[in-house]
């Protein structure tokens, strides 16, 4: 049982004055006796690993690891997952509604905070933690049974949770997920579809429906549901990308590119997403699409030697040695001591018939490192 007056509280916000303000309000309320602070999700995670807390008050949007990412980690940790969490956000939108469902946020508060709003929300959250409503009680039992491999007992507890709160979609989607884990697709689809119909923001239900149809190799249906999940919650951009990677593995390149394009669009053209997808496509031999994405990255970050080098490799893979050579030469200007880049320049000089220029580079490499096997092999091609 958590005692409101004696509980420990972790306050996570990148603004120091907000941390102080929340602590001040809690002291006015006489809530909490031990207070700790973190300026981002990663710092909070480190603190929690060493010493769990009774309650966490977490800012939604922080640099480094965001509050959303921290929530995901907490809910996946068996020691911490039942910890009450209040999320603080500057605005209420459908992303927050979706994340509330996905990460089991106990409550969220809109800024600016007041003593009353903070106090009311915390008292409700702690009461709910100390005395879980029947639905939550049965769902926790179902989770424990499922983890213990007692699936029939888990199903029974989930059905009792549904009876306890017929208007909540959570028990329905949990039941669907259990059936999905057993590959009982008809029952899984029945409950997941019902959850999605009752709550158009139930992002987890849409995601599991995508997984269900992917397992059945119904790519069109899987795409439909993964796309819906991505539209609701940006967190599902990464899952959409994973779906695209599965399509690449299946050889469905055109469909994969459409999924990737949609995920990139929903990520607000994030450079990180562009590069992640480009790297994967490059490794998987989807070089033309990888080149398109990597060129976008280079436009935004023109001095990145690694991106210039990757574009050289991509064009080399596409059988375009002259274009590849131009990128490798550009990368070499930025890092003249990189032997790998010099070898690439030499190789593409050979491939474009510029043997003498290749020899000059290779002889320079071998002068410094007579045992360089790559240079020795290329030099044989020049003779």
Protein backbone atom coordinates (compact mmCIF):
# COMPACT_ATOMS: atom_id res chain seq x y z
CA UNK A 1 0.00 0.00 0.00
CA UNK A 2 1.26 3.47 -0.87
CA UNK A 3 0.91 6.13 1.82
CA UNK A 4 0.26 9.55 0.26
CA UNK A 5 2.17 11.36 2.98
CA UNK A 6 5.15 9.01 3.21
CA UNK A 7 5.54 7.94 -0.42
CA UNK A 8 8.67 8.45 -2.52
CA UNK A 9 8.24 10.55 -5.67
CA UNK A 10 10.40 10.80 -8.78
CA UNK A 11 9.88 14.04 -10.74
CA UNK A 12 11.18 13.95 -14.32
CA UNK A 13 11.36 17.18 -16.30
CA UNK A 14 14.10 18.87 -18.33
CA UNK A 15 13.12 22.24 -16.80
CA UNK A 16 14.60 22.61 -13.32
CA UNK A 17 12.05 25.25 -12.31
CA UNK A 18 9.21 22.83 -13.19
CA UNK A 19 10.75 20.15 -10.95
CA UNK A 20 10.94 22.65 -8.10
CA UNK A 21 7.40 23.84 -8.76
CA UNK A 22 5.95 20.32 -8.64
CA UNK A 23 7.86 19.52 -5.45
CA UNK A 24 6.56 22.76 -3.92
CA UNK A 25 2.97 21.83 -4.77
CA UNK A 26 3.43 18.36 -3.29
CA UNK A 27 4.75 19.87 -0.07
CA UNK A 28 1.72 22.16 0.13
CA UNK A 29 -0.46 19.07 -0.30
CA UNK A 30 1.64 17.19 2.28
CA UNK A 31 2.14 14.46 -0.35
CA UNK A 32 5.42 12.56 -0.28
CA UNK A 33 8.41 12.46 2.03
CA UNK A 34 11.24 11.58 -0.37
CA UNK A 35 11.75 13.45 -3.64
CA UNK A 36 14.18 12.67 -6.44
CA UNK A 37 14.69 14.45 -9.73
CA UNK A 38 15.78 13.59 -13.27
CA UNK A 39 16.17 15.87 -16.28
CA UNK A 40 15.34 13.27 -18.94
CA UNK A 41 14.07 9.74 -19.39
CA UNK A 42 17.49 8.09 -19.44
CA UNK A 43 18.53 9.70 -16.16
CA UNK A 44 15.21 8.66 -14.62
CA UNK A 45 15.62 5.10 -15.90
CA UNK A 46 19.07 4.87 -14.31
CA UNK A 47 17.68 6.07 -10.97
CA UNK A 48 14.76 3.63 -11.11
CA UNK A 49 17.04 0.69 -11.86
CA UNK A 50 18.95 1.42 -8.66
CA UNK A 51 16.00 2.35 -6.47
CA UNK A 52 12.31 2.07 -7.52
CA UNK A 53 9.88 4.76 -6.40
CA UNK A 54 6.23 4.81 -5.31
CA UNK A 55 5.11 7.43 -7.84
CA UNK A 56 6.62 9.03 -10.94
CA UNK A 57 5.55 12.39 -12.36
CA UNK A 58 6.97 12.58 -15.88
CA UNK A 59 7.07 15.31 -18.51
CA UNK A 60 5.79 14.17 -21.90
CA UNK A 61 8.40 15.79 -24.12
CA UNK A 62 12.07 15.88 -23.11
CA UNK A 63 15.40 15.73 -24.98
CA UNK A 64 17.34 12.50 -24.99
CA UNK A 65 14.90 9.86 -23.84
CA UNK A 66 11.36 11.26 -23.86
CA UNK A 67 8.70 10.57 -21.28
CA UNK A 68 6.97 8.26 -23.75
CA UNK A 69 10.13 6.19 -24.24
CA UNK A 70 10.65 6.03 -20.47
CA UNK A 71 7.08 4.78 -20.06
CA UNK A 72 7.68 2.03 -22.56
CA UNK A 73 10.71 0.79 -20.65
CA UNK A 74 8.95 0.94 -17.30
CA UNK A 75 5.93 -1.04 -18.49
CA UNK A 76 8.20 -3.74 -19.92
CA UNK A 77 10.14 -4.14 -16.65
CA UNK A 78 8.64 -6.72 -14.29
CA UNK A 79 9.87 -4.88 -11.20
CA UNK A 80 8.64 -1.44 -12.23
CA UNK A 81 5.69 -2.04 -14.53
CA UNK A 82 2.94 -1.53 -11.94
CA UNK A 83 4.36 1.75 -10.67
CA UNK A 84 1.80 4.62 -10.84
CA UNK A 85 2.76 7.26 -13.39
CA UNK A 86 1.31 10.71 -13.97
CA UNK A 87 2.25 12.26 -17.31
CA UNK A 88 2.50 16.03 -17.62
CA UNK A 89 1.89 17.52 -21.06
CA UNK A 90 1.41 20.91 -22.65
CA UNK A 91 -1.52 19.79 -24.79
CA UNK A 92 -4.08 17.01 -25.07
CA UNK A 93 -4.22 15.46 -28.51
CA UNK A 94 -4.91 12.08 -30.05
CA UNK A 95 -1.26 11.06 -29.74
CA UNK A 96 -1.56 11.38 -25.97
CA UNK A 97 -4.83 9.46 -25.96
CA UNK A 98 -3.15 6.69 -27.96
CA UNK A 99 -0.07 6.61 -25.76
CA UNK A 100 -2.26 6.55 -22.66
CA UNK A 101 -3.72 3.32 -23.97
CA UNK A 102 -0.44 1.88 -25.19
CA UNK A 103 1.74 2.57 -22.17
CA UNK A 104 -0.94 2.34 -19.50
CA UNK A 105 -0.46 5.90 -18.32
CA UNK A 106 -2.35 6.13 -15.05
CA UNK A 107 -3.21 9.79 -15.62
CA UNK A 108 -2.08 12.84 -17.50
CA UNK A 109 -2.16 16.50 -16.49
CA UNK A 110 -2.25 19.57 -18.69
CA UNK A 111 0.09 22.47 -18.05
CA UNK A 112 -0.07 24.89 -16.35
CA UNK A 113 -0.42 22.79 -13.21
CA UNK A 114 -2.28 23.90 -10.12
CA UNK A 115 -2.08 22.53 -6.60
CA UNK A 116 -5.69 21.32 -6.87
CA UNK A 117 -5.34 19.60 -10.25
CA UNK A 118 -2.12 17.89 -9.18
CA UNK A 119 -3.52 16.84 -5.82
CA UNK A 120 -6.79 15.52 -7.24
CA UNK A 121 -5.05 13.50 -9.94
CA UNK A 122 -2.45 11.97 -7.62
CA UNK A 123 -5.00 10.99 -4.98
CA UNK A 124 -7.06 9.16 -7.61
CA UNK A 125 -3.99 7.42 -9.05
CA UNK A 126 -2.74 6.24 -5.65
CA UNK A 127 -6.19 5.04 -4.62
CA UNK A 128 -6.43 3.09 -7.87
CA UNK A 129 -2.99 1.57 -7.24
CA UNK A 130 -3.86 0.61 -3.67
CA UNK A 131 -7.32 -0.69 -4.54
CA UNK A 132 -7.39 -1.67 -8.23
CA UNK A 133 -10.85 -1.65 -9.84
CA UNK A 134 -12.07 -5.16 -10.73
CA UNK A 135 -11.10 -4.83 -14.39
CA UNK A 136 -7.48 -4.00 -13.57
CA UNK A 137 -7.35 -6.67 -10.88
CA UNK A 138 -8.43 -9.38 -13.31
CA UNK A 139 -6.13 -8.10 -16.07
CA UNK A 140 -3.12 -8.27 -13.75
CA UNK A 141 -4.04 -11.82 -12.81
CA UNK A 142 -4.44 -12.65 -16.50
CA UNK A 143 -1.00 -11.23 -17.23
CA UNK A 144 0.57 -13.31 -14.45
CA UNK A 145 -1.18 -16.47 -15.65
CA UNK A 146 -0.10 -15.84 -19.24
CA UNK A 147 3.52 -15.34 -18.22
CA UNK A 148 3.34 -18.58 -16.23
CA UNK A 149 2.08 -20.40 -19.32
CA UNK A 150 -1.40 -20.96 -17.88
CA UNK A 151 -3.23 -19.69 -20.94
CA UNK A 152 -6.71 -21.00 -20.18
CA UNK A 153 -6.62 -19.30 -16.77
CA UNK A 154 -5.41 -16.10 -18.46
CA UNK A 155 -8.34 -16.23 -20.89
CA UNK A 156 -10.81 -16.74 -18.04
CA UNK A 157 -9.42 -13.79 -16.05
CA UNK A 158 -9.51 -11.58 -19.15
CA UNK A 159 -13.16 -12.48 -19.72
CA UNK A 160 -13.90 -11.56 -16.09
CA UNK A 161 -12.16 -8.22 -16.68
CA UNK A 162 -14.46 -7.70 -19.67
CA UNK A 163 -17.51 -8.41 -17.54
CA UNK A 164 -16.26 -5.99 -14.89
CA UNK A 165 -16.06 -3.14 -17.42
CA UNK A 166 -17.95 -3.90 -20.65
CA UNK A 167 -17.29 -0.41 -22.03
CA UNK A 168 -13.50 -0.70 -21.93
CA UNK A 169 -11.72 -2.00 -25.02
CA UNK A 170 -8.64 -3.03 -23.10
CA UNK A 171 -9.85 -6.51 -21.99
CA UNK A 172 -11.06 -7.17 -25.54
CA UNK A 173 -7.74 -6.39 -27.13
CA UNK A 174 -5.88 -8.32 -24.42
CA UNK A 175 -8.08 -11.33 -25.16
CA UNK A 176 -7.39 -10.90 -28.85
CA UNK A 177 -3.66 -10.74 -28.16
CA UNK A 178 -3.78 -13.98 -26.14
CA UNK A 179 -5.58 -15.78 -28.97
CA UNK A 180 -3.11 -14.31 -31.47
CA UNK A 181 -0.27 -15.78 -29.41
CA UNK A 182 -1.94 -19.17 -29.80
CA UNK A 183 -2.41 -18.65 -33.56
CA UNK A 184 -6.18 -18.87 -33.07
CA UNK A 185 -6.73 -16.25 -35.73
CA UNK A 186 -10.51 -16.33 -35.93
CA UNK A 187 -10.97 -15.63 -32.21
CA UNK A 188 -8.12 -13.12 -32.20
CA UNK A 189 -9.63 -11.18 -35.10
CA UNK A 190 -13.07 -11.23 -33.49
CA UNK A 191 -11.92 -9.52 -30.28
CA UNK A 192 -9.36 -7.18 -31.81
CA UNK A 193 -11.88 -5.99 -34.41
CA UNK A 194 -14.45 -5.39 -31.68
CA UNK A 195 -11.94 -3.33 -29.67
CA UNK A 196 -10.97 -1.27 -32.73
CA UNK A 197 -14.64 -0.65 -33.58
CA UNK A 198 -15.42 0.56 -30.06
CA UNK A 199 -12.39 2.85 -29.85
CA UNK A 200 -10.98 4.29 -33.07
CA UNK A 201 -7.88 5.40 -31.14
CA UNK A 202 -7.11 1.92 -29.76
CA UNK A 203 -3.74 1.83 -31.47
CA UNK A 204 -2.76 -1.49 -29.88
CA UNK A 205 -5.79 -3.24 -31.38
CA UNK A 206 -4.95 -1.91 -34.85
CA UNK A 207 -1.32 -2.95 -34.47
CA UNK A 208 -2.23 -6.49 -33.41
CA UNK A 209 -4.66 -6.74 -36.33
CA UNK A 210 -1.74 -5.84 -38.57
CA UNK A 211 0.36 -8.57 -36.99
CA UNK A 212 -2.49 -11.06 -37.35
CA UNK A 213 -2.85 -10.48 -41.08
CA UNK A 214 0.92 -10.45 -41.56
CA UNK A 215 1.13 -13.89 -39.94
CA UNK A 216 -1.57 -15.04 -42.37
CA UNK A 217 0.44 -13.51 -45.23
CA UNK A 218 -2.40 -11.13 -46.10
CA UNK A 219 -0.14 -8.20 -46.90
CA UNK A 220 -2.88 -5.83 -48.07
CA UNK A 221 -4.84 -6.18 -44.82
CA UNK A 222 -1.67 -6.00 -42.73
CA UNK A 223 -0.69 -2.76 -44.50
CA UNK A 224 -4.13 -1.30 -43.85
CA UNK A 225 -3.97 -1.87 -40.10
CA UNK A 226 -0.31 -0.92 -39.63
CA UNK A 227 -1.05 2.29 -41.52
CA UNK A 228 -3.98 3.04 -39.19
CA UNK A 229 -1.74 2.46 -36.18
CA UNK A 230 0.91 4.81 -37.59
CA UNK A 231 -1.68 7.50 -38.25
CA UNK A 232 -2.84 7.37 -34.63
CA UNK A 233 0.51 7.24 -32.86
CA UNK A 234 4.02 8.28 -33.99
CA UNK A 235 5.43 5.45 -31.86
CA UNK A 236 4.05 3.14 -34.52
CA UNK A 237 6.26 4.74 -37.14
CA UNK A 238 9.05 2.41 -35.98
CA UNK A 239 6.68 -0.53 -36.13
CA UNK A 240 5.62 0.52 -39.60
CA UNK A 241 9.28 0.55 -40.60
CA UNK A 242 9.67 -2.95 -39.19
CA UNK A 243 6.70 -4.01 -41.31
CA UNK A 244 8.41 -2.51 -44.35
CA UNK A 245 11.54 -4.52 -43.53
CA UNK A 246 9.47 -7.71 -43.40
CA UNK A 247 8.09 -6.87 -46.86
CA UNK A 248 11.65 -6.44 -48.14
CA UNK A 249 12.53 -9.87 -46.76
CA UNK A 250 9.53 -11.28 -48.60
CA UNK A 251 10.74 -9.66 -51.82
CA UNK A 252 7.78 -7.27 -51.97
CA UNK A 253 9.93 -4.23 -52.67
CA UNK A 254 7.31 -1.88 -54.16
CA UNK A 255 4.93 -2.43 -51.23
CA UNK A 256 7.82 -1.99 -48.80
CA UNK A 257 8.74 1.34 -50.35
CA UNK A 258 5.16 2.59 -49.98
CA UNK A 259 5.18 1.61 -46.30
CA UNK A 260 8.56 3.27 -45.78
CA UNK A 261 7.39 6.44 -47.56
CA UNK A 262 4.34 6.66 -45.31
CA UNK A 263 6.40 6.08 -42.17
CA UNK A 264 8.88 8.76 -43.20
CA UNK A 265 6.04 11.19 -43.91
CA UNK A 266 4.54 10.57 -40.47
CA UNK A 267 7.95 11.06 -38.86
CA UNK A 268 8.00 14.63 -40.24
CA UNK A 269 10.81 13.64 -42.61
CA UNK A 270 13.11 12.71 -39.74
CA UNK A 271 16.73 12.35 -40.85
CA UNK A 272 17.14 9.46 -38.44
CA UNK A 273 14.25 7.57 -40.02
CA UNK A 274 15.58 8.29 -43.52
CA UNK A 275 18.97 6.93 -42.55
CA UNK A 276 17.64 3.88 -40.71
CA UNK A 277 15.58 2.83 -43.72
CA UNK A 278 18.38 3.67 -46.16
CA UNK A 279 20.91 1.58 -44.23
CA UNK A 280 18.55 -1.39 -44.14
CA UNK A 281 17.74 -1.13 -47.84
CA UNK A 282 21.42 -0.80 -48.67
CA UNK A 283 22.21 -3.98 -46.70
CA UNK A 284 19.28 -5.75 -48.36
CA UNK A 285 20.24 -4.82 -51.91
CA UNK A 286 17.46 -2.27 -52.45
CA UNK A 287 20.06 0.21 -53.59
CA UNK A 288 18.06 2.57 -55.80
CA UNK A 289 15.63 3.41 -53.01
CA UNK A 290 18.48 3.55 -50.47
CA UNK A 291 20.25 6.07 -52.69
CA UNK A 292 17.18 8.29 -52.90
CA UNK A 293 16.87 8.38 -49.11
CA UNK A 294 20.57 8.88 -48.50
CA UNK A 295 20.68 11.78 -50.96
CA UNK A 296 17.98 13.48 -48.87
CA UNK A 297 20.13 13.00 -45.76
CA UNK A 298 23.13 14.49 -47.57
CA UNK A 299 21.11 17.54 -48.64
CA UNK A 300 20.32 18.22 -44.99
CA UNK A 301 23.80 17.34 -43.68
CA UNK A 302 26.21 18.07 -46.57
CA UNK A 303 29.40 17.66 -44.53
CA UNK A 304 28.77 14.12 -43.32
CA UNK A 305 31.61 12.02 -44.67
CA UNK A 306 29.91 8.74 -43.73
CA UNK A 307 26.82 9.60 -45.79
CA UNK A 308 28.95 10.58 -48.79
CA UNK A 309 30.81 7.27 -48.48
CA UNK A 310 27.55 5.30 -48.29
CA UNK A 311 26.32 7.00 -51.45
CA UNK A 312 29.53 5.87 -53.12
CA UNK A 313 28.88 2.27 -52.04
CA UNK A 314 25.26 2.44 -53.20
CA UNK A 315 26.22 3.68 -56.66
CA UNK A 316 28.98 1.07 -56.84
CA UNK A 317 26.35 -1.59 -56.09
CA UNK A 318 24.14 -0.11 -58.82
CA UNK A 319 26.94 -0.55 -61.36
CA UNK A 320 27.60 3.18 -61.69
CA UNK A 321 31.36 3.44 -61.04
CA UNK A 322 31.75 7.01 -62.31
CA UNK A 323 29.07 8.31 -59.97
CA UNK A 324 30.43 6.16 -57.16
CA UNK A 325 33.91 7.54 -57.80
CA UNK A 326 32.72 11.13 -57.44
CA UNK A 327 31.29 10.35 -53.99
CA UNK A 328 34.38 8.44 -52.85
CA UNK A 329 36.67 11.27 -53.97
CA UNK A 330 34.50 13.74 -52.05
CA UNK A 331 34.65 11.53 -48.95
CA UNK A 332 38.41 11.24 -49.39
CA UNK A 333 38.80 15.02 -49.34
CA UNK A 334 37.25 15.03 -45.88
CA UNK A 335 39.33 12.14 -44.57
CA UNK A 336 42.58 11.69 -46.50
CA UNK A 337 43.99 9.12 -44.08
CA UNK A 338 41.08 6.66 -44.40
CA UNK A 339 42.53 3.64 -46.21
CA UNK A 340 39.09 2.13 -46.93
CA UNK A 341 38.07 5.27 -48.82
CA UNK A 342 41.35 5.30 -50.76
CA UNK A 343 40.84 1.65 -51.73
CA UNK A 344 37.34 2.47 -52.97
CA UNK A 345 38.72 5.34 -55.06
CA UNK A 346 41.37 3.05 -56.52
CA UNK A 347 38.85 0.30 -57.29
CA UNK A 348 36.55 2.67 -59.12
CA UNK A 349 39.47 4.18 -61.03
CA UNK A 350 40.16 0.62 -62.22
CA UNK A 351 36.48 0.09 -63.08
CA UNK A 352 36.42 3.31 -65.13
CA UNK A 353 39.66 2.47 -66.98
CA UNK A 354 41.85 4.97 -65.12
CA UNK A 355 44.49 2.41 -64.23
CA UNK A 356 47.45 4.77 -63.76
CA UNK A 357 45.57 6.87 -61.22
CA UNK A 358 44.58 3.69 -59.39
CA UNK A 359 48.23 2.55 -59.31
CA UNK A 360 49.34 5.81 -57.73
CA UNK A 361 46.88 5.44 -54.87
CA UNK A 362 47.64 1.74 -54.35
CA UNK A 363 51.40 2.27 -54.31
CA UNK A 364 50.93 4.99 -51.69
CA UNK A 365 48.87 2.61 -49.54
CA UNK A 366 51.42 -0.22 -49.91
CA UNK A 367 54.29 2.08 -49.08
CA UNK A 368 52.70 2.66 -45.67
CA UNK A 369 51.32 -0.88 -45.29
CA UNK A 370 53.09 -3.44 -47.53
CA UNK A 371 50.81 -6.23 -46.29
CA UNK A 372 47.53 -4.56 -47.22
CA UNK A 373 45.80 -7.42 -49.01
CA UNK A 374 43.11 -5.27 -50.60
CA UNK A 375 45.66 -2.98 -52.21
CA UNK A 376 47.78 -5.91 -53.39
CA UNK A 377 44.79 -7.59 -55.05
CA UNK A 378 43.72 -4.39 -56.79
CA UNK A 379 47.27 -3.71 -57.98
CA UNK A 380 47.30 -7.09 -59.73
CA UNK A 381 44.31 -5.88 -61.79
CA UNK A 382 46.33 -2.87 -62.92
CA UNK A 383 49.19 -4.94 -64.35
